[in-house]
Amino acid sequence: MLTAGKAGSKWTLRFTSPVTGKRRDAGLGVYPEASILDACTKTLAMRTQLDAGKDPIEERDR
């Protein structure tokens, strides 16, 4: 998903946390500095964590 903000556009992964059950938005980078390939690579890594029952944002912040 590409969303526009005050500073430009950013790649975002929207998911439901398996830990809390709440909707979360994870930033994947700012366009055009982060390409769609970069965003897809980060998305696949985060989806692997989601499949394992982990919240990718909580894992990143550790």
N, C-alpha and C. Protein backbone atom coordinates (compact mmCIF):
# COMPACT_ATOMS: atom_id res chain seq x y z
N MET A 1 0.85 -1.16 0.00
CA MET A 1 0.00 0.00 0.00
C MET A 1 0.90 1.23 0.00
N LEU A 2 0.63 2.19 -0.85
CA LEU A 2 1.37 3.44 -0.91
C LEU A 2 0.45 4.54 -0.42
N THR A 3 0.86 5.22 0.66
CA THR A 3 0.02 6.28 1.22
C THR A 3 0.76 7.60 1.15
N ALA A 4 0.01 8.67 0.96
CA ALA A 4 0.59 10.01 0.87
C ALA A 4 0.52 10.68 2.22
N GLY A 5 1.54 11.40 2.55
CA GLY A 5 1.59 12.16 3.80
C GLY A 5 2.15 13.54 3.53
N LYS A 6 2.40 14.30 4.58
CA LYS A 6 2.94 15.65 4.42
C LYS A 6 4.32 15.64 3.79
N ALA A 7 5.13 14.64 4.13
CA ALA A 7 6.50 14.59 3.63
C ALA A 7 6.61 13.77 2.35
N GLY A 8 5.53 13.26 1.82
CA GLY A 8 5.57 12.44 0.62
C GLY A 8 4.79 11.17 0.80
N SER A 9 5.19 10.14 0.08
CA SER A 9 4.49 8.87 0.12
C SER A 9 5.34 7.83 0.83
N LYS A 10 4.68 6.85 1.43
CA LYS A 10 5.42 5.80 2.11
C LYS A 10 4.76 4.45 1.86
N TRP A 11 5.57 3.40 1.88
CA TRP A 11 5.08 2.04 1.76
C TRP A 11 4.66 1.56 3.14
N THR A 12 3.47 0.96 3.24
CA THR A 12 2.92 0.53 4.53
C THR A 12 2.32 -0.87 4.40
N LEU A 13 2.59 -1.71 5.39
CA LEU A 13 1.95 -3.02 5.49
C LEU A 13 0.90 -2.94 6.57
N ARG A 14 -0.35 -3.19 6.23
CA ARG A 14 -1.45 -3.18 7.19
C ARG A 14 -1.78 -4.64 7.53
N PHE A 15 -1.81 -4.94 8.83
CA PHE A 15 -2.06 -6.31 9.26
C PHE A 15 -2.76 -6.31 10.61
N THR A 16 -3.28 -7.46 11.00
CA THR A 16 -3.88 -7.64 12.32
C THR A 16 -2.87 -8.38 13.19
N SER A 17 -2.55 -7.80 14.33
CA SER A 17 -1.56 -8.40 15.23
C SER A 17 -2.09 -9.72 15.78
N PRO A 18 -1.29 -10.79 15.66
CA PRO A 18 -1.72 -12.07 16.24
C PRO A 18 -1.64 -12.05 17.77
N VAL A 19 -0.91 -11.09 18.32
CA VAL A 19 -0.76 -10.99 19.78
C VAL A 19 -1.93 -10.26 20.41
N THR A 20 -2.28 -9.08 19.85
CA THR A 20 -3.34 -8.26 20.46
C THR A 20 -4.66 -8.32 19.71
N GLY A 21 -4.65 -8.75 18.45
CA GLY A 21 -5.87 -8.79 17.65
C GLY A 21 -6.25 -7.45 17.06
N LYS A 22 -5.39 -6.44 17.24
CA LYS A 22 -5.68 -5.10 16.72
C LYS A 22 -5.01 -4.88 15.37
N ARG A 23 -5.59 -3.96 14.59
CA ARG A 23 -5.02 -3.61 13.29
C ARG A 23 -3.77 -2.76 13.52
N ARG A 24 -2.71 -3.07 12.77
CA ARG A 24 -1.44 -2.34 12.88
C ARG A 24 -0.99 -1.92 11.49
N ASP A 25 -0.24 -0.84 11.42
CA ASP A 25 0.37 -0.38 10.18
C ASP A 25 1.88 -0.33 10.40
N ALA A 26 2.61 -1.06 9.58
CA ALA A 26 4.08 -1.09 9.68
C ALA A 26 4.66 -0.35 8.48
N GLY A 27 5.52 0.62 8.77
CA GLY A 27 6.18 1.37 7.70
C GLY A 27 7.26 0.52 7.05
N LEU A 28 7.31 0.57 5.72
CA LEU A 28 8.28 -0.21 4.96
C LEU A 28 9.30 0.66 4.25
N GLY A 29 9.15 1.96 4.33
CA GLY A 29 10.08 2.88 3.69
C GLY A 29 9.35 4.01 3.00
N VAL A 30 10.12 5.02 2.63
CA VAL A 30 9.58 6.21 1.99
C VAL A 30 9.85 6.13 0.49
N TYR A 31 8.82 6.41 -0.30
CA TYR A 31 8.95 6.43 -1.75
C TYR A 31 9.50 7.79 -2.16
N PRO A 32 10.43 7.89 -3.04
CA PRO A 32 11.05 6.90 -3.91
C PRO A 32 12.35 6.32 -3.38
N GLU A 33 12.79 6.70 -2.15
CA GLU A 33 14.04 6.15 -1.61
C GLU A 33 13.97 4.63 -1.48
N ALA A 34 12.84 4.12 -1.05
CA ALA A 34 12.63 2.67 -0.96
C ALA A 34 11.83 2.23 -2.18
N SER A 35 12.40 1.32 -2.94
CA SER A 35 11.72 0.84 -4.15
C SER A 35 10.61 -0.14 -3.78
N ILE A 36 9.81 -0.50 -4.74
CA ILE A 36 8.76 -1.48 -4.50
C ILE A 36 9.38 -2.85 -4.19
N LEU A 37 10.56 -3.13 -4.74
CA LEU A 37 11.25 -4.37 -4.43
C LEU A 37 11.68 -4.40 -2.97
N ASP A 38 12.18 -3.28 -2.45
CA ASP A 38 12.55 -3.19 -1.04
C ASP A 38 11.32 -3.42 -0.16
N ALA A 39 10.22 -2.78 -0.51
CA ALA A 39 8.99 -2.92 0.27
C ALA A 39 8.48 -4.35 0.24
N CYS A 40 8.55 -5.00 -0.90
CA CYS A 40 8.10 -6.40 -1.02
C CYS A 40 8.97 -7.33 -0.19
N THR A 41 10.27 -7.09 -0.19
CA THR A 41 11.19 -7.91 0.59
C THR A 41 10.89 -7.80 2.08
N LYS A 42 10.67 -6.58 2.56
CA LYS A 42 10.33 -6.37 3.97
C LYS A 42 8.98 -6.98 4.30
N THR A 43 8.03 -6.89 3.36
CA THR A 43 6.70 -7.46 3.57
C THR A 43 6.77 -8.98 3.73
N LEU A 44 7.55 -9.63 2.88
CA LEU A 44 7.68 -11.09 2.98
C LEU A 44 8.28 -11.51 4.32
N ALA A 45 9.28 -10.75 4.79
CA ALA A 45 9.89 -11.06 6.09
C ALA A 45 8.88 -10.88 7.21
N MET A 46 8.08 -9.81 7.14
CA MET A 46 7.08 -9.56 8.18
C MET A 46 5.96 -10.60 8.13
N ARG A 47 5.58 -11.03 6.95
CA ARG A 47 4.53 -12.05 6.84
C ARG A 47 5.00 -13.40 7.40
N THR A 48 6.30 -13.67 7.27
CA THR A 48 6.85 -14.88 7.87
C THR A 48 6.72 -14.83 9.38
N GLN A 49 6.99 -13.66 9.97
CA GLN A 49 6.82 -13.49 11.41
C GLN A 49 5.36 -13.62 11.81
N LEU A 50 4.46 -13.06 11.00
CA LEU A 50 3.03 -13.17 11.29
C LEU A 50 2.58 -14.62 11.26
N ASP A 51 3.08 -15.39 10.28
CA ASP A 51 2.73 -16.81 10.19
C ASP A 51 3.21 -17.59 11.41
N ALA A 52 4.29 -17.09 12.04
CA ALA A 52 4.83 -17.74 13.24
C ALA A 52 4.12 -17.26 14.51
N GLY A 53 3.11 -16.39 14.37
CA GLY A 53 2.35 -15.90 15.51
C GLY A 53 3.00 -14.74 16.23
N LYS A 54 3.94 -14.06 15.57
CA LYS A 54 4.64 -12.93 16.19
C LYS A 54 4.19 -11.63 15.55
N ASP A 55 4.24 -10.55 16.34
CA ASP A 55 3.93 -9.21 15.83
C ASP A 55 5.22 -8.60 15.30
N PRO A 56 5.31 -8.32 13.99
CA PRO A 56 6.56 -7.80 13.42
C PRO A 56 7.02 -6.47 14.01
N ILE A 57 6.09 -5.62 14.42
CA ILE A 57 6.47 -4.34 15.01
C ILE A 57 7.11 -4.56 16.38
N GLU A 58 6.53 -5.45 17.18
CA GLU A 58 7.11 -5.74 18.48
C GLU A 58 8.47 -6.41 18.33
N GLU A 59 8.60 -7.28 17.34
CA GLU A 59 9.89 -7.95 17.10
C GLU A 59 10.95 -6.93 16.65
N ARG A 60 10.56 -5.98 15.82
CA ARG A 60 11.49 -4.95 15.35
C ARG A 60 11.95 -4.07 16.50
N ASP A 61 11.05 -3.74 17.42
CA ASP A 61 11.37 -2.85 18.52
C ASP A 61 12.22 -3.49 19.61
N ARG A 62 12.35 -4.80 19.60
CA ARG A 62 13.17 -5.48 20.61
C ARG A 62 14.63 -5.25 20.38
